[in-house]
Amino acid sequence: MLKELRVRDLALVAESTVRFGPGLNLLTGETGSGKSLIIDALSLALGSRADPGQVRHGADRASVEAVFDSVALQREVGRRNVARVDGRPASPGQLRELGANLVAIHGQHQHHALLDTETQTDLLDAYAGALDMRAAVATAHGVWVAAAARVRDLEQLRSRGLREQEYLRWQLDELRKVDLKPGEDEALGAERTASRHAARLAELGRQASDALHEDGPARAAGAISSAAAIDPRLSEHAARLGALTEELSDAAADLRRYVELLDADPRRLEAIESRMAEIEGIKRKHGGSLEAAIQEQERLERQVGATEDLDAAITAAEAEKLKRRTELERAGARLSKARATAARGMEKAVAAELLGLRLEGSRFEVAMPSQSEIGPAGAEVAEMMFSANPGEPIAPLAKVASGGELARVMLAIKTVSADADRLPTLVFDEVDAGIGGEAAIQVGLRLKALGARHQVLVVTHLAQIASFADHHLVVEKAPDQAGRNVVMVRELASEEEKARELARMMSGGVTVKAVARAHELLEEARR
């Protein structure tokens, strides 16, 4: 849930902290007061494109921070654009990735997302409860693609002929002779350093060992142990000194063994240098690291092993490909069946919602044109079709819906899929475009219902919708001390404040009659 939006020096907003609550949050205000600026600020925090022109006149930079239950997303715009996640540097792409799982913004410029068949397919799959089936199709598709690639690689290998096979065997024989061991280059490097400085290391080791063999710590431990027999308060010190003496004795023994094992033999150093040169040569040929060379040997082992009986390997790979294809088709068929069932249910549910939203005579259908090939998202895509008036041919939603119709269709789809929608926060910027009267009340009812399952933020001009607010925020524009207009946001706390704002929205002024009607609206919204 979005808890707070902090805005500083963005367009007309000098400094504002907007707090949101659960349920339905309404933003209202006079035309030009800056309501959509708040949505723009949230969009910036979610990674939308930044423009230096958004910075308030006279300021060096603008900053926006959206604080959610689980994370804080911050954006700065100016000479240098900065993005942060929980105070740590990030990229706008990371903000977008995180924001996509937190907020969905639907506005006059964002409705195009609903017009994309990929988005429509996602909505249908969520409505169908088929996301696990879709994931199974994606997995089966990946396995089938890998099996097909295996067949292709083997067939290419066979087509390259004997010369290619001989070259592969030569590479493999070279790697086998070197007999690489993981971490060998690092171990040899350490041994070479020790061998080069063996005399100095032996001298320092003996000095350390001799110092550790001095009986000072042992005599101290004995004395404190005797004292502890008289005064038990010294028992802990005696135990610590006893443990220290044992540890020093063990360290001295280890150092003595280290000195004894130091090898200053020039022949051993020569052998190390030769081995390291051999390993470096192999590393240069095969990826630049020991790990890459070992991985290349493993790959060549598999490839050469397959060439020993290439025809049998191709036959086995083709059988595996066929098996994986069958599994993919079965997974795709299960998903297609679930989508077809859900599409019919969504059609009926959305049609009922459109009727309530005063789109009588409209038709809504979900077509599922087949793809030329089963992909990771299945064998078909969802395409939402719409006709606004009786007698008009049904066509893709993108081609036939006006702005107001599209807003209501989007709201209807969101309403019927609310339980399946996993996004915690939904934002509707001017969803009331082109509607009024009873249709506005129906929109308000549905937004209120969405607010029971999600946090909902709405920018509206209509009092009928605003009356349903759980939290009513007013955006106001007024001159500051310097005479410059600034935007401020405050929440209406009392019933009277809400009624006066609804009255202004209905009549353009606050009259006794308008306030009375506003109280009626608030009372009706509570029923």
Protein backbone atom coordinates (compact mmCIF):
# COMPACT_ATOMS: atom_id res chain seq x y z
CA MET A 1 0.00 0.00 0.00
CA LEU A 2 1.14 3.55 -0.78
CA LYS A 3 1.46 5.34 2.56
CA GLU A 4 2.97 8.68 1.62
CA LEU A 5 4.05 10.77 -1.36
CA ARG A 6 6.63 13.50 -0.70
CA VAL A 7 7.02 16.10 -3.43
CA ARG A 8 9.45 19.01 -3.54
CA ASP A 9 9.96 21.66 -6.25
CA LEU A 10 7.99 19.79 -8.93
CA ALA A 11 6.18 22.16 -11.31
CA LEU A 12 3.87 24.20 -9.04
CA VAL A 13 4.43 22.05 -5.95
CA ALA A 14 6.94 23.77 -3.67
CA GLU A 15 6.79 21.17 -0.93
CA SER A 16 3.99 18.77 -0.07
CA THR A 17 3.55 15.50 1.79
CA VAL A 18 0.43 13.60 0.75
CA ARG A 19 -0.68 10.78 3.03
CA PHE A 20 -2.91 8.02 1.70
CA GLY A 21 -4.95 5.46 3.57
CA PRO A 22 -6.53 2.10 2.81
CA GLY A 23 -9.66 1.90 0.68
CA LEU A 24 -10.81 4.63 -1.72
CA ASN A 25 -8.72 7.83 -1.79
CA LEU A 26 -10.26 10.69 -3.81
CA LEU A 27 -8.37 13.72 -5.15
CA THR A 28 -10.52 16.70 -6.07
CA GLY A 29 -9.95 20.37 -6.73
CA GLU A 30 -10.78 23.17 -9.11
CA THR A 31 -9.79 22.88 -12.76
CA GLY A 32 -6.10 23.71 -13.07
CA SER A 33 -5.43 23.25 -9.36
CA GLY A 34 -2.81 20.59 -10.03
CA LYS A 35 -4.63 17.32 -9.29
CA SER A 36 -2.88 15.46 -12.07
CA LEU A 37 0.47 16.79 -10.81
CA ILE A 38 0.15 14.40 -7.88
CA ILE A 39 -0.31 11.48 -10.28
CA ASP A 40 2.62 12.77 -12.36
CA ALA A 41 4.76 12.84 -9.21
CA LEU A 42 3.82 9.25 -8.39
CA SER A 43 4.60 8.24 -11.99
CA LEU A 44 8.07 9.76 -11.66
CA ALA A 45 8.72 7.75 -8.49
CA LEU A 46 7.63 4.65 -10.40
CA GLY A 47 10.26 5.25 -13.09
CA SER A 48 8.46 7.23 -15.80
CA ARG A 49 10.46 9.47 -18.10
CA ALA A 50 11.85 12.57 -16.41
CA ASP A 51 11.95 16.02 -18.00
CA PRO A 52 14.09 18.88 -16.58
CA GLY A 53 11.18 21.17 -17.51
CA GLN A 54 9.25 19.62 -14.60
CA VAL A 55 11.56 21.36 -12.09
CA ARG A 56 9.90 24.30 -10.33
CA HIS A 57 11.13 27.69 -11.58
CA GLY A 58 14.06 28.89 -9.48
CA ALA A 59 14.91 25.46 -8.04
CA ASP A 60 17.94 23.35 -8.97
CA ARG A 61 16.13 20.04 -8.87
CA ALA A 62 12.80 18.40 -8.09
CA SER A 63 12.46 15.36 -5.87
CA VAL A 64 9.69 12.81 -5.36
CA GLU A 65 9.57 9.94 -2.86
CA ALA A 66 6.82 7.31 -2.76
CA VAL A 67 6.78 5.42 0.53
CA PHE A 68 5.10 2.00 0.46
CA ASP A 69 4.68 -0.58 3.21
CA SER A 70 7.69 -2.53 1.97
CA VAL A 71 9.91 -0.08 0.06
CA ALA A 72 10.61 3.60 -0.64
CA LEU A 73 11.17 4.74 -4.25
CA GLN A 74 12.84 8.11 -4.81
CA ARG A 75 13.52 10.20 -7.90
CA GLU A 76 15.38 13.47 -8.43
CA VAL A 77 15.09 15.50 -11.64
CA GLY A 78 17.39 18.33 -12.66
CA ARG A 79 20.85 18.71 -14.13
CA ARG A 80 21.51 15.19 -12.89
CA ASN A 81 18.70 12.63 -12.68
CA VAL A 82 18.94 10.30 -9.69
CA ALA A 83 16.93 7.21 -8.71
CA ARG A 84 17.06 5.44 -5.35
CA VAL A 85 15.46 2.39 -3.73
CA ASP A 86 15.41 2.57 0.07
CA GLY A 87 18.12 5.23 -0.14
CA ARG A 88 20.43 3.11 -2.32
CA PRO A 89 21.34 4.19 -5.88
CA ALA A 90 19.20 2.56 -8.56
CA SER A 91 18.14 3.08 -12.17
CA PRO A 92 14.76 4.25 -13.51
CA GLY A 93 14.41 0.75 -14.96
CA GLN A 94 14.67 -0.74 -11.48
CA LEU A 95 12.01 1.71 -10.25
CA ARG A 96 9.74 0.63 -13.11
CA GLU A 97 10.33 -3.05 -12.34
CA LEU A 98 9.50 -2.60 -8.66
CA GLY A 99 6.62 -0.23 -9.37
CA ALA A 100 4.98 -2.68 -11.78
CA ASN A 101 4.34 -4.97 -8.81
CA LEU A 102 3.05 -2.17 -6.57
CA VAL A 103 0.85 0.20 -8.59
CA ALA A 104 -1.23 0.22 -11.77
CA ILE A 105 -2.00 3.72 -13.09
CA HIS A 106 -5.03 4.07 -15.39
CA GLY A 107 -5.58 7.46 -16.92
CA GLN A 108 -6.45 9.17 -20.14
CA HIS A 109 -2.89 8.55 -21.33
CA GLN A 110 -2.40 5.18 -19.69
CA HIS A 111 -5.50 3.42 -21.08
CA HIS A 112 -3.40 2.25 -24.02
CA ALA A 113 -2.00 -0.47 -21.75
CA LEU A 114 -5.46 -2.07 -21.72
CA LEU A 115 -5.44 -2.02 -25.52
CA ASP A 116 -2.37 -4.24 -25.76
CA THR A 117 -3.18 -7.93 -26.41
CA GLU A 118 -0.39 -9.00 -24.06
CA THR A 119 -2.00 -7.03 -21.20
CA GLN A 120 -5.41 -8.41 -22.14
CA THR A 121 -4.01 -11.96 -22.09
CA ASP A 122 -2.49 -11.34 -18.67
CA LEU A 123 -5.87 -10.09 -17.39
CA LEU A 124 -7.68 -13.14 -18.74
CA ASP A 125 -5.14 -15.57 -17.27
CA ALA A 126 -5.38 -13.90 -13.87
CA TYR A 127 -9.18 -13.96 -14.07
CA ALA A 128 -9.05 -17.67 -15.01
CA GLY A 129 -6.72 -18.49 -12.14
CA ALA A 130 -4.49 -19.99 -14.82
CA LEU A 131 -1.16 -18.34 -13.99
CA ASP A 132 0.29 -21.67 -12.82
CA MET A 133 -0.86 -23.31 -16.06
CA ARG A 134 0.78 -20.52 -18.02
CA ALA A 135 4.00 -20.98 -16.07
CA ALA A 136 3.85 -24.71 -16.87
CA VAL A 137 3.51 -23.86 -20.59
CA ALA A 138 6.51 -21.52 -20.37
CA THR A 139 8.57 -24.26 -18.70
CA ALA A 140 7.50 -26.90 -21.23
CA HIS A 141 8.25 -24.49 -24.08
CA GLY A 142 11.75 -23.84 -22.74
CA VAL A 143 12.46 -27.58 -22.44
CA TRP A 144 11.16 -28.21 -25.96
CA VAL A 145 13.26 -25.36 -27.39
CA ALA A 146 16.35 -26.83 -25.68
CA ALA A 147 15.59 -30.29 -27.08
CA ALA A 148 15.14 -28.85 -30.58
CA ALA A 149 18.45 -26.98 -30.24
CA ARG A 150 20.16 -30.26 -29.23
CA VAL A 151 18.91 -31.94 -32.43
CA ARG A 152 20.02 -28.95 -34.49
CA ASP A 153 23.50 -28.92 -32.93
CA LEU A 154 24.00 -32.63 -33.55
CA GLU A 155 22.83 -32.35 -37.15
CA GLN A 156 25.19 -29.43 -37.73
CA LEU A 157 27.99 -31.45 -36.20
CA ARG A 158 27.31 -34.31 -38.55
CA SER A 159 27.23 -31.96 -41.52
CA ARG A 160 30.63 -30.53 -40.63
CA GLY A 161 32.09 -33.99 -41.07
CA LEU A 162 35.19 -35.82 -39.98
CA ARG A 163 37.55 -32.83 -40.01
CA GLU A 164 35.49 -31.04 -37.36
CA GLN A 165 35.36 -34.17 -35.21
CA GLU A 166 39.12 -34.59 -35.43
CA TYR A 167 39.64 -30.98 -34.38
CA LEU A 168 37.36 -31.41 -31.39
CA ARG A 169 39.26 -34.55 -30.34
CA TRP A 170 42.57 -32.71 -30.67
CA GLN A 171 41.29 -29.92 -28.39
CA LEU A 172 40.00 -32.45 -25.88
CA ASP A 173 43.26 -34.46 -25.89
CA GLU A 174 45.20 -31.27 -25.14
CA LEU A 175 42.97 -30.49 -22.17
CA ARG A 176 43.09 -34.06 -20.90
CA LYS A 177 46.91 -34.06 -20.94
CA VAL A 178 47.06 -30.87 -18.89
CA ASP A 179 44.68 -32.47 -16.35
CA LEU A 180 43.39 -29.24 -14.82
CA LYS A 181 42.25 -29.14 -11.19
CA PRO A 182 39.87 -26.49 -9.81
CA GLY A 183 41.81 -23.79 -7.91
CA GLU A 184 45.17 -25.23 -9.01
CA ASP A 185 46.50 -21.94 -10.40
CA GLU A 186 45.88 -20.12 -7.11
CA ALA A 187 47.46 -22.89 -5.06
CA LEU A 188 50.53 -22.97 -7.31
CA GLY A 189 50.84 -19.20 -7.14
CA ALA A 190 50.92 -19.31 -3.35
CA GLU A 191 53.46 -22.14 -3.37
CA ARG A 192 55.67 -20.27 -5.84
CA THR A 193 55.70 -17.18 -3.62
CA ALA A 194 56.64 -19.30 -0.60
CA SER A 195 59.37 -21.14 -2.52
CA ARG A 196 60.92 -17.89 -3.75
CA HIS A 197 61.11 -16.56 -0.18
CA ALA A 198 61.73 -19.86 1.61
CA ALA A 199 64.87 -18.72 3.51
CA ARG A 200 63.22 -15.56 4.85
CA LEU A 201 60.02 -17.43 5.75
CA ALA A 202 62.03 -20.14 7.56
CA GLU A 203 63.90 -17.51 9.57
CA LEU A 204 60.70 -15.69 10.56
CA GLY A 205 58.97 -18.97 11.35
CA ARG A 206 61.78 -20.07 13.67
CA GLN A 207 61.77 -16.70 15.42
CA ALA A 208 58.05 -16.94 16.00
CA SER A 209 58.30 -20.57 17.17
CA ASP A 210 61.15 -19.77 19.58
CA ALA A 211 59.21 -16.85 21.02
CA LEU A 212 56.14 -19.02 21.52
CA HIS A 213 58.18 -21.67 23.35
CA GLU A 214 59.20 -19.19 26.06
CA ASP A 215 57.66 -20.24 29.35
CA GLY A 216 56.28 -16.82 30.35
CA PRO A 217 52.60 -17.64 29.53
CA ALA A 218 52.93 -21.09 31.13
CA ARG A 219 54.40 -19.65 34.35
CA ALA A 220 51.63 -17.01 34.42
CA ALA A 221 48.97 -19.69 33.98
CA GLY A 222 50.46 -21.78 36.80
CA ALA A 223 50.63 -18.81 39.16
CA ILE A 224 47.05 -17.70 38.52
CA SER A 225 45.81 -21.29 38.82
CA SER A 226 47.39 -21.48 42.31
CA ALA A 227 45.91 -18.11 43.20
CA ALA A 228 42.46 -19.29 42.04
CA ALA A 229 42.65 -22.13 44.53
CA ILE A 230 42.76 -19.42 47.23
CA ASP A 231 40.41 -16.87 45.63
CA PRO A 232 37.74 -18.45 43.34
CA ARG A 233 37.14 -15.07 41.70
CA LEU A 234 40.34 -15.70 39.72
CA SER A 235 39.03 -19.00 38.30
CA GLU A 236 37.87 -17.43 35.04
CA HIS A 237 41.26 -15.74 34.50
CA ALA A 238 43.05 -19.02 35.28
CA ALA A 239 40.91 -20.86 32.73
CA ARG A 240 41.54 -18.22 30.07
CA LEU A 241 45.32 -18.29 30.65
CA GLY A 242 45.28 -22.10 30.57
CA ALA A 243 43.44 -22.09 27.24
CA LEU A 244 45.82 -19.42 25.90
CA THR A 245 48.85 -21.53 26.88
CA GLU A 246 47.44 -24.55 25.04
CA GLU A 247 46.64 -22.43 21.97
CA LEU A 248 50.17 -20.95 21.93
CA SER A 249 51.65 -24.45 22.22
CA ASP A 250 49.55 -25.65 19.25
CA ALA A 251 50.52 -22.58 17.21
CA ALA A 252 54.22 -23.19 17.94
CA ALA A 253 53.92 -26.81 16.78
CA ASP A 254 52.14 -25.74 13.58
CA LEU A 255 54.84 -23.17 12.84
CA ARG A 256 57.56 -25.76 13.41
CA ARG A 257 55.92 -28.12 10.91
CA TYR A 258 55.52 -25.22 8.43
CA VAL A 259 59.25 -24.43 8.60
CA GLU A 260 60.16 -28.11 8.19
CA LEU A 261 58.01 -28.40 5.09
CA LEU A 262 59.31 -25.27 3.34
CA ASP A 263 60.86 -26.31 0.08
CA ALA A 264 63.70 -24.13 -1.26
CA ASP A 265 64.72 -26.69 -3.88
CA PRO A 266 65.29 -24.81 -7.20
CA ARG A 267 64.00 -27.85 -9.07
CA ARG A 268 60.61 -27.58 -7.32
CA LEU A 269 60.40 -23.87 -8.17
CA GLU A 270 61.23 -24.67 -11.79
CA ALA A 271 58.51 -27.33 -11.85
CA ILE A 272 55.98 -24.85 -10.44
CA GLU A 273 56.92 -22.20 -13.01
CA SER A 274 56.61 -24.74 -15.83
CA ARG A 275 53.20 -25.94 -14.65
CA MET A 276 51.88 -22.41 -14.23
CA ALA A 277 53.05 -21.46 -17.74
CA GLU A 278 51.26 -24.52 -19.09
CA ILE A 279 48.05 -23.58 -17.27
CA GLU A 280 48.26 -19.92 -18.44
CA GLY A 281 48.56 -21.10 -22.04
CA ILE A 282 45.43 -23.23 -21.69
CA LYS A 283 43.55 -20.38 -19.97
CA ARG A 284 44.34 -18.00 -22.86
CA LYS A 285 42.95 -20.51 -25.35
CA HIS A 286 39.79 -21.36 -23.45
CA GLY A 287 38.04 -18.39 -21.92
CA GLY A 288 40.73 -16.68 -19.85
CA SER A 289 40.21 -18.55 -16.58
CA LEU A 290 40.80 -22.00 -15.13
CA GLU A 291 37.08 -22.47 -14.53
CA ALA A 292 36.27 -21.62 -18.16
CA ALA A 293 38.88 -24.10 -19.41
CA ILE A 294 37.46 -26.85 -17.18
CA GLN A 295 33.94 -26.08 -18.43
CA GLU A 296 35.20 -26.22 -22.03
CA GLN A 297 36.71 -29.65 -21.37
CA GLU A 298 33.38 -30.86 -19.98
CA ARG A 299 31.59 -29.52 -23.07
CA LEU A 300 34.06 -31.19 -25.40
CA GLU A 301 33.73 -34.47 -23.50
CA ARG A 302 29.98 -34.42 -24.13
CA GLN A 303 30.30 -33.34 -27.75
CA VAL A 304 33.01 -35.83 -28.65
CA GLY A 305 31.13 -38.55 -26.78
CA ALA A 306 28.13 -37.82 -28.93
CA THR A 307 30.17 -38.00 -32.14
CA GLU A 308 31.29 -41.54 -31.27
CA ASP A 309 27.83 -42.67 -32.31
CA LEU A 310 26.36 -39.59 -33.93
CA ASP A 311 23.49 -41.30 -35.70
CA ALA A 312 22.32 -42.92 -32.47
CA ALA A 313 22.67 -39.60 -30.64
CA ILE A 314 20.56 -37.80 -33.26
CA THR A 315 17.89 -40.52 -33.10
CA ALA A 316 17.76 -40.23 -29.30
CA ALA A 317 17.67 -36.40 -29.46
CA GLU A 318 14.81 -36.45 -31.98
CA ALA A 319 12.84 -38.80 -29.75
CA GLU A 320 13.43 -36.46 -26.81
CA LYS A 321 12.31 -33.50 -28.92
CA LEU A 322 9.10 -35.29 -29.90
CA LYS A 323 8.41 -36.21 -26.27
CA ARG A 324 8.91 -32.61 -25.15
CA ARG A 325 6.71 -31.34 -27.99
CA THR A 326 3.90 -33.64 -26.85
CA GLU A 327 4.24 -32.34 -23.30
CA LEU A 328 4.15 -28.74 -24.57
CA GLU A 329 1.00 -29.37 -26.62
CA ARG A 330 -0.74 -30.98 -23.64
CA ALA A 331 0.18 -28.07 -21.37
CA GLY A 332 -0.95 -25.60 -24.05
CA ALA A 333 -4.27 -27.43 -24.48
CA ARG A 334 -4.96 -27.27 -20.73
CA LEU A 335 -4.26 -23.53 -20.74
CA SER A 336 -6.41 -22.97 -23.84
CA LYS A 337 -9.34 -24.81 -22.24
CA ALA A 338 -9.05 -22.74 -19.05
CA ARG A 339 -8.88 -19.53 -21.08
CA ALA A 340 -11.94 -20.43 -23.17
CA THR A 341 -14.00 -21.14 -20.03
CA ALA A 342 -12.80 -17.95 -18.33
CA ALA A 343 -13.44 -15.86 -21.48
CA ARG A 344 -17.12 -16.82 -21.47
CA GLY A 345 -17.37 -16.01 -17.77
CA MET A 346 -15.58 -12.68 -18.19
CA GLU A 347 -17.86 -11.73 -21.09
CA LYS A 348 -20.99 -12.23 -18.97
CA ALA A 349 -19.53 -10.48 -15.92
CA VAL A 350 -18.24 -7.46 -17.86
CA ALA A 351 -21.52 -7.19 -19.81
CA ALA A 352 -23.41 -6.98 -16.51
CA GLU A 353 -21.03 -4.28 -15.25
CA LEU A 354 -21.35 -2.27 -18.48
CA LEU A 355 -25.11 -2.36 -18.13
CA GLY A 356 -24.77 -0.92 -14.63
CA LEU A 357 -22.41 1.74 -15.99
CA ARG A 358 -25.12 2.88 -18.39
CA LEU A 359 -23.61 1.40 -21.53
CA GLU A 360 -26.89 -0.25 -22.53
CA GLY A 361 -26.76 -2.03 -25.85
CA SER A 362 -22.98 -2.41 -25.77
CA ARG A 363 -21.34 -5.77 -26.36
CA PHE A 364 -18.11 -7.13 -24.95
CA GLU A 365 -16.39 -10.30 -26.12
CA VAL A 366 -13.03 -11.97 -25.62
CA ALA A 367 -11.65 -13.41 -28.86
CA MET A 368 -8.71 -15.80 -28.77
CA PRO A 369 -6.93 -15.82 -32.14
CA SER A 370 -4.48 -18.68 -32.49
CA GLN A 371 -0.77 -18.09 -32.82
CA SER A 372 1.18 -19.65 -35.66
CA GLU A 373 3.16 -21.62 -33.07
CA ILE A 374 2.78 -22.41 -29.38
CA GLY A 375 4.88 -19.91 -27.48
CA PRO A 376 5.86 -19.54 -23.82
CA ALA A 377 2.51 -17.76 -23.23
CA GLY A 378 0.43 -20.44 -24.94
CA ALA A 379 -1.20 -21.20 -28.28
CA GLU A 380 -3.32 -18.04 -28.49
CA VAL A 381 -3.66 -14.48 -27.24
CA ALA A 382 -6.69 -12.75 -25.77
CA GLU A 383 -8.16 -9.88 -27.75
CA MET A 384 -10.97 -7.90 -26.12
CA MET A 385 -13.71 -6.82 -28.53
CA PHE A 386 -16.28 -4.08 -28.04
CA SER A 387 -19.30 -2.51 -29.66
CA ALA A 388 -20.78 0.57 -28.00
CA ASN A 389 -24.15 0.60 -29.77
CA PRO A 390 -26.66 -1.95 -31.11
CA GLY A 391 -26.18 -2.72 -34.78
CA GLU A 392 -22.54 -1.66 -34.85
CA PRO A 393 -20.04 -4.41 -35.70
CA ILE A 394 -17.91 -5.64 -32.83
CA ALA A 395 -14.22 -4.82 -33.24
CA PRO A 396 -11.03 -4.73 -31.18
CA LEU A 397 -11.39 -2.44 -28.16
CA ALA A 398 -8.56 -0.20 -29.39
CA LYS A 399 -10.47 0.69 -32.57
CA VAL A 400 -14.00 1.43 -31.40
CA ALA A 401 -14.06 2.78 -27.82
CA SER A 402 -14.09 6.51 -27.10
CA GLY A 403 -12.21 7.94 -24.10
CA GLY A 404 -15.22 7.82 -21.78
CA GLU A 405 -16.32 4.39 -22.99
CA LEU A 406 -12.81 3.06 -22.62
CA ALA A 407 -12.61 4.34 -19.03
CA ARG A 408 -15.82 2.54 -18.13
CA VAL A 409 -14.82 -0.68 -19.92
CA MET A 410 -11.51 -0.62 -18.06
CA LEU A 411 -13.32 -0.07 -14.76
CA ALA A 412 -15.71 -2.95 -15.53
CA ILE A 413 -12.83 -5.30 -16.31
CA LYS A 414 -10.96 -4.26 -13.16
CA THR A 415 -14.12 -4.75 -11.11
CA VAL A 416 -14.79 -8.31 -12.29
CA SER A 417 -11.12 -9.27 -11.98
CA ALA A 418 -10.51 -7.55 -8.63
CA ASP A 419 -10.05 -10.80 -6.72
CA ALA A 420 -7.45 -12.00 -9.21
CA ASP A 421 -5.59 -8.68 -9.44
CA ARG A 422 -2.49 -8.95 -7.26
CA LEU A 423 -1.50 -5.27 -7.43
CA PRO A 424 -2.08 -3.62 -4.05
CA THR A 425 -2.67 -0.08 -5.39
CA LEU A 426 -4.79 1.03 -8.36
CA VAL A 427 -4.78 4.62 -9.63
CA PHE A 428 -7.52 6.08 -11.85
CA ASP A 429 -6.80 9.53 -13.29
CA GLU A 430 -10.05 11.18 -14.41
CA VAL A 431 -11.97 7.93 -14.92
CA ASP A 432 -15.12 10.10 -15.04
CA ALA A 433 -14.32 11.48 -18.51
CA GLY A 434 -17.48 11.77 -20.58
CA ILE A 435 -19.95 10.57 -17.93
CA GLY A 436 -22.33 12.07 -15.36
CA GLY A 437 -25.57 11.53 -13.49
CA GLU A 438 -26.49 7.93 -12.69
CA ALA A 439 -23.46 6.61 -14.60
CA ALA A 440 -21.19 8.57 -12.25
CA ILE A 441 -22.91 7.03 -9.22
CA GLN A 442 -22.41 3.57 -10.69
CA VAL A 443 -18.72 4.36 -11.27
CA GLY A 444 -18.46 5.50 -7.65
CA LEU A 445 -20.08 2.28 -6.40
CA ARG A 446 -17.59 0.18 -8.32
CA LEU A 447 -14.61 2.21 -7.19
CA LYS A 448 -15.83 1.80 -3.61
CA ALA A 449 -16.10 -1.96 -4.15
CA LEU A 450 -12.56 -2.03 -5.56
CA GLY A 451 -11.43 -0.15 -2.47
CA ALA A 452 -12.55 -3.06 -0.32
CA ARG A 453 -9.90 -5.27 -1.98
CA HIS A 454 -7.22 -2.75 -3.00
CA GLN A 455 -5.99 0.68 -2.17
CA VAL A 456 -7.58 2.90 -4.85
CA LEU A 457 -6.53 6.47 -5.79
CA VAL A 458 -8.90 8.44 -8.00
CA VAL A 459 -8.76 11.93 -9.55
CA THR A 460 -12.31 13.10 -10.26
CA HIS A 461 -14.36 16.18 -11.09
CA LEU A 462 -17.68 14.61 -10.13
CA ALA A 463 -19.26 14.98 -6.72
CA GLN A 464 -21.25 11.76 -7.22
CA ILE A 465 -17.97 9.82 -7.30
CA ALA A 466 -16.21 11.88 -4.62
CA SER A 467 -19.03 11.15 -2.15
CA PHE A 468 -17.85 7.53 -1.88
CA ALA A 469 -14.37 8.46 -0.58
CA ASP A 470 -12.84 6.79 2.44
CA HIS A 471 -10.21 9.55 2.35
CA HIS A 472 -11.03 12.82 0.56
CA LEU A 473 -7.99 14.91 -0.44
CA VAL A 474 -8.35 18.42 -1.85
CA VAL A 475 -5.73 19.88 -4.17
CA GLU A 476 -5.58 23.67 -3.93
CA LYS A 477 -3.57 26.32 -5.77
CA ALA A 478 -2.88 29.61 -3.98
CA PRO A 479 -0.18 32.33 -4.00
CA ASP A 480 2.73 31.97 -1.57
CA GLN A 481 4.44 34.83 0.29
CA ALA A 482 6.33 35.77 -2.86
CA GLY A 483 3.11 35.92 -4.85
CA ARG A 484 3.82 32.73 -6.83
CA ASN A 485 1.10 30.12 -7.17
CA VAL A 486 1.86 26.87 -5.35
CA VAL A 487 -0.06 23.62 -5.08
CA MET A 488 -1.02 22.19 -1.68
CA VAL A 489 -2.89 19.03 -0.69
CA ARG A 490 -4.92 18.52 2.46
CA GLU A 491 -7.33 15.84 3.66
CA LEU A 492 -10.86 16.82 4.55
CA ALA A 493 -11.42 15.66 8.11
CA SER A 494 -14.99 16.66 8.92
CA GLU A 495 -18.33 15.87 7.32
CA GLU A 496 -18.96 19.57 6.82
CA GLU A 497 -15.69 20.09 4.95
CA LYS A 498 -16.54 17.19 2.64
CA ALA A 499 -20.02 18.53 2.02
CA ARG A 500 -18.71 22.00 1.16
CA GLU A 501 -16.21 20.53 -1.33
CA LEU A 502 -18.94 18.41 -2.96
CA ALA A 503 -21.14 21.51 -3.14
CA ARG A 504 -18.38 23.43 -4.92
CA MET A 505 -17.93 20.53 -7.37
CA MET A 506 -21.66 20.45 -8.17
CA SER A 507 -22.45 24.14 -8.49
CA GLY A 508 -19.16 25.99 -8.67
CA GLY A 509 -19.92 27.69 -5.37
CA VAL A 510 -20.90 26.83 -1.82
CA THR A 511 -24.61 27.59 -1.43
CA VAL A 512 -27.01 26.38 1.24
CA LYS A 513 -28.92 24.34 -1.33
CA ALA A 514 -25.73 22.81 -2.78
CA VAL A 515 -24.43 21.91 0.70
CA ALA A 516 -27.76 20.25 1.55
CA ARG A 517 -27.58 18.18 -1.64
CA ALA A 518 -23.97 17.30 -0.82
CA HIS A 519 -25.03 15.94 2.58
CA GLU A 520 -27.65 13.85 0.78
CA LEU A 521 -24.97 12.43 -1.52
CA LEU A 522 -22.75 11.52 1.41
CA GLU A 523 -25.66 9.84 3.16
CA GLU A 524 -26.59 7.90 0.01
CA ALA A 525 -22.97 6.76 -0.45
CA ARG A 526 -22.92 5.29 3.07
CA ARG A 527 -25.94 3.04 2.44
